PDB file of N, CA and C in Angstrom:
ATOM      1  N   MET A   1      15.182  76.707  13.694  1.00  0.00           N
ATOM      2  CA  MET A   1      13.797  76.979  14.113  1.00  0.00           C
ATOM      3  C   MET A   1      13.065  76.076  13.698  1.00  0.00           C
ATOM      4  N   VAL A   2      12.329  76.055  12.191  1.00  0.00           N
ATOM      5  CA  VAL A   2      11.656  75.738  11.309  1.00  0.00           C
ATOM      6  C   VAL A   2      11.067  74.250  12.164  1.00  0.00           C
ATOM      7  N   ASP A   3      12.297  73.583  12.546  1.00  0.00           N
ATOM      8  CA  ASP A   3      11.888  71.876  13.264  1.00  0.00           C
ATOM      9  C   ASP A   3      10.879  72.070  14.245  1.00  0.00           C
ATOM     10  N   LYS A   4      10.853  73.374  14.838  1.00  0.00           N
ATOM     11  CA  LYS A   4       9.172  73.382  16.129  1.00  0.00           C
ATOM     12  C   LYS A   4       8.364  73.183  15.554  1.00  0.00           C
ATOM     13  N   PHE A   5       8.195  73.805  14.234  1.00  0.00           N
ATOM     14  CA  PHE A   5       6.731  73.881  13.543  1.00  0.00           C
ATOM     15  C   PHE A   5       6.548  72.324  12.932  1.00  0.00           C
ATOM     16  N   VAL A   6       7.523  71.643  12.257  1.00  0.00           N
ATOM     17  CA  VAL A   6       6.986  70.981  11.377  1.00  0.00           C
ATOM     18  C   VAL A   6       5.899  69.264  12.384  1.00  0.00           C
ATOM     19  N   GLY A   7       5.281  69.613  11.261  1.00  0.00           N
ATOM     20  CA  GLY A   7       4.054  68.755  11.946  1.00  0.00           C
ATOM     21  C   GLY A   7       2.967  69.003  11.153  1.00  0.00           C
ATOM     22  N   THR A   8       1.667  68.352  12.067  1.00  0.00           N
ATOM     23  CA  THR A   8       0.178  68.390  11.854  1.00  0.00           C
ATOM     24  C   THR A   8      -0.295  69.147  12.623  1.00  0.00           C
ATOM     25  N   TRP A   9      -0.594  70.410  12.188  1.00  0.00           N
ATOM     26  CA  TRP A   9      -1.794  71.600  13.355  1.00  0.00           C
ATOM     27  C   TRP A   9      -2.984  71.150  12.731  1.00  0.00           C
ATOM     28  N   LYS A  10      -3.712  70.980  14.000  1.00  0.00           N
ATOM     29  CA  LYS A  10      -5.348  70.671  13.279  1.00  0.00           C
ATOM     30  C   LYS A  10      -6.266  72.194  14.281  1.00  0.00           C
ATOM     31  N   MET A  11      -6.930  73.188  13.335  1.00  0.00           N
ATOM     32  CA  MET A  11      -7.497  74.057  13.807  1.00  0.00           C
ATOM     33  C   MET A  11      -8.931  74.044  14.563  1.00  0.00           C
ATOM     34  N   VAL A  12      -8.483  74.752  15.416  1.00  0.00           N
ATOM     35  CA  VAL A  12      -9.690  74.556  16.556  1.00  0.00           C
ATOM     36  C   VAL A  12     -11.102  75.742  16.708  1.00  0.00           C
ATOM     37  N   THR A  13     -10.495  76.439  16.221  1.00  0.00           N
ATOM     38  CA  THR A  13     -11.656  77.495  15.941  1.00  0.00           C
ATOM     39  C   THR A  13     -11.075  78.907  15.210  1.00  0.00           C
ATOM     40  N   SER A  14     -11.879  79.692  14.701  1.00  0.00           N
ATOM     41  CA  SER A  14     -11.706  80.760  13.618  1.00  0.00           C
ATOM     42  C   SER A  14     -12.887  81.694  14.402  1.00  0.00           C
ATOM     43  N   ASP A  15     -12.600  82.505  14.978  1.00  0.00           N
ATOM     44  CA  ASP A  15     -13.073  83.413  15.877  1.00  0.00           C
ATOM     45  C   ASP A  15     -13.208  84.662  14.832  1.00  0.00           C
ATOM     46  N   ASN A  16     -14.562  85.013  14.659  1.00  0.00           N
ATOM     47  CA  ASN A  16     -14.780  86.336  13.457  1.00  0.00           C
ATOM     48  C   ASN A  16     -14.823  86.256  12.420  1.00  0.00           C
ATOM     49  N   PHE A  17     -14.347  84.645  11.680  1.00  0.00           N
ATOM     50  CA  PHE A  17     -13.987  84.407  10.384  1.00  0.00           C
ATOM     51  C   PHE A  17     -15.016  85.372   9.386  1.00  0.00           C
ATOM     52  N   ASP A  18     -16.157  84.303  10.475  1.00  0.00           N
ATOM     53  CA  ASP A  18     -17.420  84.994   8.769  1.00  0.00           C
ATOM     54  C   ASP A  18     -17.594  86.496   8.895  1.00  0.00           C
ATOM     55  N   ASP A  19     -17.021  87.221   9.799  1.00  0.00           N
ATOM     56  CA  ASP A  19     -17.359  89.016   9.742  1.00  0.00           C
ATOM     57  C   ASP A  19     -16.193  89.403   8.430  1.00  0.00           C
ATOM     58  N   TYR A  20     -14.707  88.740   8.591  1.00  0.00           N
ATOM     59  CA  TYR A  20     -13.697  88.730   7.899  1.00  0.00           C
ATOM     60  C   TYR A  20     -14.087  87.939   6.470  1.00  0.00           C
ATOM     61  N   MET A  21     -14.371  87.380   6.167  1.00  0.00           N
ATOM     62  CA  MET A  21     -15.354  86.980   4.676  1.00  0.00           C
ATOM     63  C   MET A  21     -16.272  87.796   4.057  1.00  0.00           C
ATOM     64  N   ARG A  22     -16.929  88.161   5.217  1.00  0.00           N
ATOM     65  CA  ARG A  22     -18.012  89.459   4.491  1.00  0.00           C
ATOM     66  C   ARG A  22     -17.371  90.285   4.170  1.00  0.00           C
ATOM     67  N   ALA A  23     -16.486  91.196   4.778  1.00  0.00           N
ATOM     68  CA  ALA A  23     -15.586  92.305   4.776  1.00  0.00           C
ATOM     69  C   ALA A  23     -15.067  92.549   3.336  1.00  0.00           C
ATOM     70  N   ILE A  24     -14.711  91.216   3.602  1.00  0.00           N
ATOM     71  CA  ILE A  24     -13.617  90.830   1.491  1.00  0.00           C
ATOM     72  C   ILE A  24     -14.326  90.783   0.538  1.00  0.00           C
ATOM     73  N   GLY A  25     -15.680  90.394   0.951  1.00  0.00           N
ATOM     74  CA  GLY A  25     -16.763  90.544  -0.068  1.00  0.00           C
ATOM     75  C   GLY A  25     -16.682  89.004  -0.505  1.00  0.00           C
ATOM     76  N   VAL A  26     -16.798  87.705   0.549  1.00  0.00           N
ATOM     77  CA  VAL A  26     -17.430  86.605   0.026  1.00  0.00           C
ATOM     78  C   VAL A  26     -18.922  86.334   0.203  1.00  0.00           C
ATOM     79  N   GLY A  27     -18.962  85.429  -0.857  1.00  0.00           N
ATOM     80  CA  GLY A  27     -20.941  85.401  -1.060  1.00  0.00           C
ATOM     81  C   GLY A  27     -20.837  84.706  -0.206  1.00  0.00           C
ATOM     82  N   PHE A  28     -22.316  84.511   0.502  1.00  0.00           N
ATOM     83  CA  PHE A  28     -23.061  83.826   1.508  1.00  0.00           C
ATOM     84  C   PHE A  28     -22.809  82.354   1.193  1.00  0.00           C
ATOM     85  N   ALA A  29     -22.888  81.938   0.272  1.00  0.00           N
ATOM     86  CA  ALA A  29     -22.791  79.781  -0.004  1.00  0.00           C
ATOM     87  C   ALA A  29     -21.102  79.790   0.052  1.00  0.00           C
ATOM     88  N   THR A  30     -20.729  80.388  -0.318  1.00  0.00           N
ATOM     89  CA  THR A  30     -18.749  80.365   0.235  1.00  0.00           C
ATOM     90  C   THR A  30     -18.650  80.561   1.414  1.00  0.00           C
ATOM     91  N   ARG A  31     -18.846  81.217   2.131  1.00  0.00           N
ATOM     92  CA  ARG A  31     -19.273  82.016   4.161  1.00  0.00           C
ATOM     93  C   ARG A  31     -19.471  80.731   4.629  1.00  0.00           C
ATOM     94  N   GLN A  32     -20.588  80.108   4.092  1.00  0.00           N
ATOM     95  CA  GLN A  32     -21.170  79.060   4.895  1.00  0.00           C
ATOM     96  C   GLN A  32     -20.133  77.965   4.418  1.00  0.00           C
ATOM     97  N   VAL A  33     -19.721  77.307   3.597  1.00  0.00           N
ATOM     98  CA  VAL A  33     -18.369  76.302   3.726  1.00  0.00           C
ATOM     99  C   VAL A  33     -17.465  77.018   4.225  1.00  0.00           C
ATOM    100  N   GLY A  34     -17.060  77.740   4.011  1.00  0.00           N
ATOM    101  CA  GLY A  34     -15.837  77.784   5.052  1.00  0.00           C
ATOM    102  C   GLY A  34     -16.054  77.930   6.233  1.00  0.00           C
ATOM    103  N   ASN A  35     -17.240  78.256   6.712  1.00  0.00           N
ATOM    104  CA  ASN A  35     -17.339  78.355   8.591  1.00  0.00           C
ATOM    105  C   ASN A  35     -17.218  76.956   9.131  1.00  0.00           C
ATOM    106  N   ARG A  36     -17.508  76.140   7.909  1.00  0.00           N
ATOM    107  CA  ARG A  36     -17.682  74.669   8.569  1.00  0.00           C
ATOM    108  C   ARG A  36     -16.526  74.276   8.289  1.00  0.00           C
ATOM    109  N   THR A  37     -15.705  74.857   7.857  1.00  0.00           N
ATOM    110  CA  THR A  37     -13.993  73.669   7.281  1.00  0.00           C
ATOM    111  C   THR A  37     -13.293  74.032   8.700  1.00  0.00           C
ATOM    112  N   LYS A  38     -12.803  73.235   8.579  1.00  0.00           N
ATOM    113  CA  LYS A  38     -11.319  73.085   9.781  1.00  0.00           C
ATOM    114  C   LYS A  38     -10.287  72.776   9.170  1.00  0.00           C
ATOM    115  N   PRO A  39      -9.424  73.138   8.635  1.00  0.00           N
ATOM    116  CA  PRO A  39      -8.507  72.958   7.520  1.00  0.00           C
ATOM    117  C   PRO A  39      -7.006  72.411   8.554  1.00  0.00           C
ATOM    118  N   ASN A  40      -6.138  71.278   8.103  1.00  0.00           N
ATOM    119  CA  ASN A  40      -5.191  70.783   9.128  1.00  0.00           C
ATOM    120  C   ASN A  40      -3.938  71.450   8.381  1.00  0.00           C
ATOM    121  N   LEU A  41      -3.102  72.406   8.993  1.00  0.00           N
ATOM    122  CA  LEU A  41      -1.589  72.797   8.540  1.00  0.00           C
ATOM    123  C   LEU A  41      -1.099  72.366   8.447  1.00  0.00           C
ATOM    124  N   ILE A  42       0.365  71.367   7.063  1.00  0.00           N
ATOM    125  CA  ILE A  42       0.756  70.346   7.202  1.00  0.00           C
ATOM    126  C   ILE A  42       1.967  71.454   7.238  1.00  0.00           C
ATOM    127  N   VAL A  43       3.075  71.177   8.099  1.00  0.00           N
ATOM    128  CA  VAL A  43       4.300  72.205   7.867  1.00  0.00           C
ATOM    129  C   VAL A  43       5.883  71.205   7.781  1.00  0.00           C
ATOM    130  N   THR A  44       6.178  71.400   6.752  1.00  0.00           N
ATOM    131  CA  THR A  44       7.461  70.434   6.536  1.00  0.00           C
ATOM    132  C   THR A  44       8.528  70.774   5.889  1.00  0.00           C
ATOM    133  N   MET A  45      10.175  70.669   5.907  1.00  0.00           N
ATOM    134  CA  MET A  45      10.683  70.957   5.163  1.00  0.00           C
ATOM    135  C   MET A  45      12.185  70.020   4.803  1.00  0.00           C
ATOM    136  N   ASP A  46      12.493  70.419   3.961  1.00  0.00           N
ATOM    137  CA  ASP A  46      12.851  69.134   3.332  1.00  0.00           C
ATOM    138  C   ASP A  46      14.755  69.429   3.377  1.00  0.00           C
ATOM    139  N   GLU A  47      15.785  68.509   2.623  1.00  0.00           N
ATOM    140  CA  GLU A  47      16.789  68.407   3.173  1.00  0.00           C
ATOM    141  C   GLU A  47      17.822  69.989   2.739  1.00  0.00           C
ATOM    142  N   GLN A  48      16.704  70.343   1.455  1.00  0.00           N
ATOM    143  CA  GLN A  48      17.324  71.565   1.099  1.00  0.00           C
ATOM    144  C   GLN A  48      16.899  72.774   1.389  1.00  0.00           C
ATOM    145  N   GLY A  49      16.454  72.641   2.732  1.00  0.00           N
ATOM    146  CA  GLY A  49      15.792  73.424   3.903  1.00  0.00           C
ATOM    147  C   GLY A  49      14.900  74.368   2.546  1.00  0.00           C
ATOM    148  N   THR A  50      14.034  73.647   1.867  1.00  0.00           N
ATOM    149  CA  THR A  50      12.282  74.441   0.934  1.00  0.00           C
ATOM    150  C   THR A  50      11.868  73.909   3.138  1.00  0.00           C
ATOM    151  N   VAL A  51      10.731  74.978   2.767  1.00  0.00           N
ATOM    152  CA  VAL A  51      10.026  74.828   3.666  1.00  0.00           C
ATOM    153  C   VAL A  51       8.366  74.654   3.054  1.00  0.00           C
ATOM    154  N   SER A  52       7.499  73.549   3.265  1.00  0.00           N
ATOM    155  CA  SER A  52       5.979  73.757   2.822  1.00  0.00           C
ATOM    156  C   SER A  52       5.414  73.930   3.674  1.00  0.00           C
ATOM    157  N   MET A  53       4.156  75.052   3.697  1.00  0.00           N
ATOM    158  CA  MET A  53       3.224  75.021   4.350  1.00  0.00           C
ATOM    159  C   MET A  53       1.791  74.729   3.471  1.00  0.00           C
ATOM    160  N   LYS A  54       0.926  73.416   3.961  1.00  0.00           N
ATOM    161  CA  LYS A  54       0.343  72.842   2.840  1.00  0.00           C
ATOM    162  C   LYS A  54      -1.251  72.915   4.181  1.00  0.00           C
ATOM    163  N   SER A  55      -2.094  73.951   3.464  1.00  0.00           N
ATOM    164  CA  SER A  55      -3.041  74.123   4.378  1.00  0.00           C
ATOM    165  C   SER A  55      -4.664  73.086   3.633  1.00  0.00           C
ATOM    166  N   GLN A  56      -5.232  71.931   4.355  1.00  0.00           N
ATOM    167  CA  GLN A  56      -5.479  70.960   3.357  1.00  0.00           C
ATOM    168  C   GLN A  56      -7.008  70.424   4.576  1.00  0.00           C
ATOM    169  N   SER A  57      -7.943  70.802   3.415  1.00  0.00           N
ATOM    170  CA  SER A  57      -9.575  70.041   4.444  1.00  0.00           C
ATOM    171  C   SER A  57      -9.905  69.770   2.820  1.00  0.00           C
ATOM    172  N   THR A  58     -11.319  69.224   3.392  1.00  0.00           N
ATOM    173  CA  THR A  58     -12.531  68.318   2.063  1.00  0.00           C
ATOM    174  C   THR A  58     -12.540  69.542   1.224  1.00  0.00           C
ATOM    175  N   PHE A  59     -12.686  70.941   1.457  1.00  0.00           N
ATOM    176  CA  PHE A  59     -13.020  71.704   0.516  1.00  0.00           C
ATOM    177  C   PHE A  59     -12.163  72.094  -0.517  1.00  0.00           C
ATOM    178  N   LYS A  60     -10.926  72.721   0.004  1.00  0.00           N
ATOM    179  CA  LYS A  60     -10.070  73.213  -0.954  1.00  0.00           C
ATOM    180  C   LYS A  60      -8.295  72.785   0.198  1.00  0.00           C
ATOM    181  N   THR A  61      -7.509  72.878  -0.976  1.00  0.00           N
ATOM    182  CA  THR A  61      -5.905  72.292  -0.607  1.00  0.00           C
ATOM    183  C   THR A  61      -5.120  73.526  -1.092  1.00  0.00           C
ATOM    184  N   THR A  62      -4.543  74.127  -0.525  1.00  0.00           N
ATOM    185  CA  THR A  62      -3.320  75.147  -0.442  1.00  0.00           C
ATOM    186  C   THR A  62      -2.063  74.626  -0.099  1.00  0.00           C
ATOM    187  N   GLU A  63      -1.397  75.341  -1.054  1.00  0.00           N
ATOM    188  CA  GLU A  63       0.414  74.621  -0.659  1.00  0.00           C
ATOM    189  C   GLU A  63       1.293  76.025  -0.845  1.00  0.00           C
ATOM    190  N   ILE A  64       2.120  75.524   0.008  1.00  0.00           N
ATOM    191  CA  ILE A  64       3.154  76.978  -0.078  1.00  0.00           C
ATOM    192  C   ILE A  64       4.264  76.746  -0.034  1.00  0.00           C
ATOM    193  N   LYS A  65       5.711  76.902  -0.965  1.00  0.00           N
ATOM    194  CA  LYS A  65       6.766  76.397  -0.575  1.00  0.00           C
ATOM    195  C   LYS A  65       7.997  77.797  -0.928  1.00  0.00           C
ATOM    196  N   PHE A  66       8.958  77.665  -0.029  1.00  0.00           N
ATOM    197  CA  PHE A  66       9.589  78.974   0.031  1.00  0.00           C
ATOM    198  C   PHE A  66      10.843  78.544   0.817  1.00  0.00           C
ATOM    199  N   LYS A  67      11.757  79.097   1.009  1.00  0.00           N
ATOM    200  CA  LYS A  67      13.190  78.856   1.682  1.00  0.00           C
ATOM    201  C   LYS A  67      13.427  79.993   2.516  1.00  0.00           C
ATOM    202  N   LEU A  68      13.370  80.433   3.568  1.00  0.00           N
ATOM    203  CA  LEU A  68      13.962  81.110   4.820  1.00  0.00           C
ATOM    204  C   LEU A  68      14.594  82.367   4.206  1.00  0.00           C
ATOM    205  N   ASN A  69      14.335  83.431   4.728  1.00  0.00           N
ATOM    206  CA  ASN A  69      15.284  84.450   4.016  1.00  0.00           C
ATOM    207  C   ASN A  69      15.478  84.598   2.603  1.00  0.00           C
ATOM    208  N   GLU A  70      14.561  83.801   1.763  1.00  0.00           N
ATOM    209  CA  GLU A  70      14.716  84.212   0.284  1.00  0.00           C
ATOM    210  C   GLU A  70      13.496  84.935   0.074  1.00  0.00           C
ATOM    211  N   PRO A  71      13.630  86.149  -0.508  1.00  0.00           N
ATOM    212  CA  PRO A  71      12.045  86.426  -1.607  1.00  0.00           C
ATOM    213  C   PRO A  71      11.475  85.752  -1.737  1.00  0.00           C
ATOM    214  N   PHE A  72       9.863  85.263  -2.151  1.00  0.00           N
ATOM    215  CA  PHE A  72       9.348  84.520  -2.916  1.00  0.00           C
ATOM    216  C   PHE A  72       7.958  85.281  -3.448  1.00  0.00           C
ATOM    217  N   GLU A  73       7.143  84.905  -4.304  1.00  0.00           N
ATOM    218  CA  GLU A  73       6.052  85.260  -5.052  1.00  0.00           C
ATOM    219  C   GLU A  73       4.833  84.478  -4.182  1.00  0.00           C
ATOM    220  N   GLU A  74       3.852  85.025  -3.348  1.00  0.00           N
ATOM    221  CA  GLU A  74       2.935  84.413  -3.089  1.00  0.00           C
ATOM    222  C   GLU A  74       1.272  84.902  -3.620  1.00  0.00           C
ATOM    223  N   THR A  75       0.326  84.048  -4.249  1.00  0.00           N
ATOM    224  CA  THR A  75      -0.747  84.999  -4.473  1.00  0.00           C
ATOM    225  C   THR A  75      -1.511  84.318  -3.287  1.00  0.00           C
ATOM    226  N   THR A  76      -2.531  85.255  -2.817  1.00  0.00           N
ATOM    227  CA  THR A  76      -3.524  85.081  -1.731  1.00  0.00           C
ATOM    228  C   THR A  76      -4.850  85.268  -2.505  1.00  0.00           C
ATOM    229  N   ALA A  77      -6.267  84.764  -1.602  1.00  0.00           N
ATOM    230  CA  ALA A  77      -7.402  85.029  -1.832  1.00  0.00           C
ATOM    231  C   ALA A  77      -7.915  86.336  -1.795  1.00  0.00           C
ATOM    232  N   GLY A  78      -8.549  86.583  -2.075  1.00  0.00           N
ATOM    233  CA  GLY A  78      -9.294  88.089  -2.108  1.00  0.00           C
ATOM    234  C   GLY A  78      -9.889  88.690  -3.498  1.00  0.00           C
TER     235      GLY A  78
END
């Protein structure tokens, strides 16, 4: 099923993102950058079944790797 999502996905819109960032306490300057950033989401899966989801932009790049049906740790912004 993951193979249907493998590829590069471009963000088109992020409705109400500024309101969300304000609600979680993100400062004005960071919100301005966040509102202008349109990251690509790059989804891959290797031969061992490890899924990689990389959010890539000129401002910031983050990546998470995991195997389906296996618990994993993730640290999110907040």
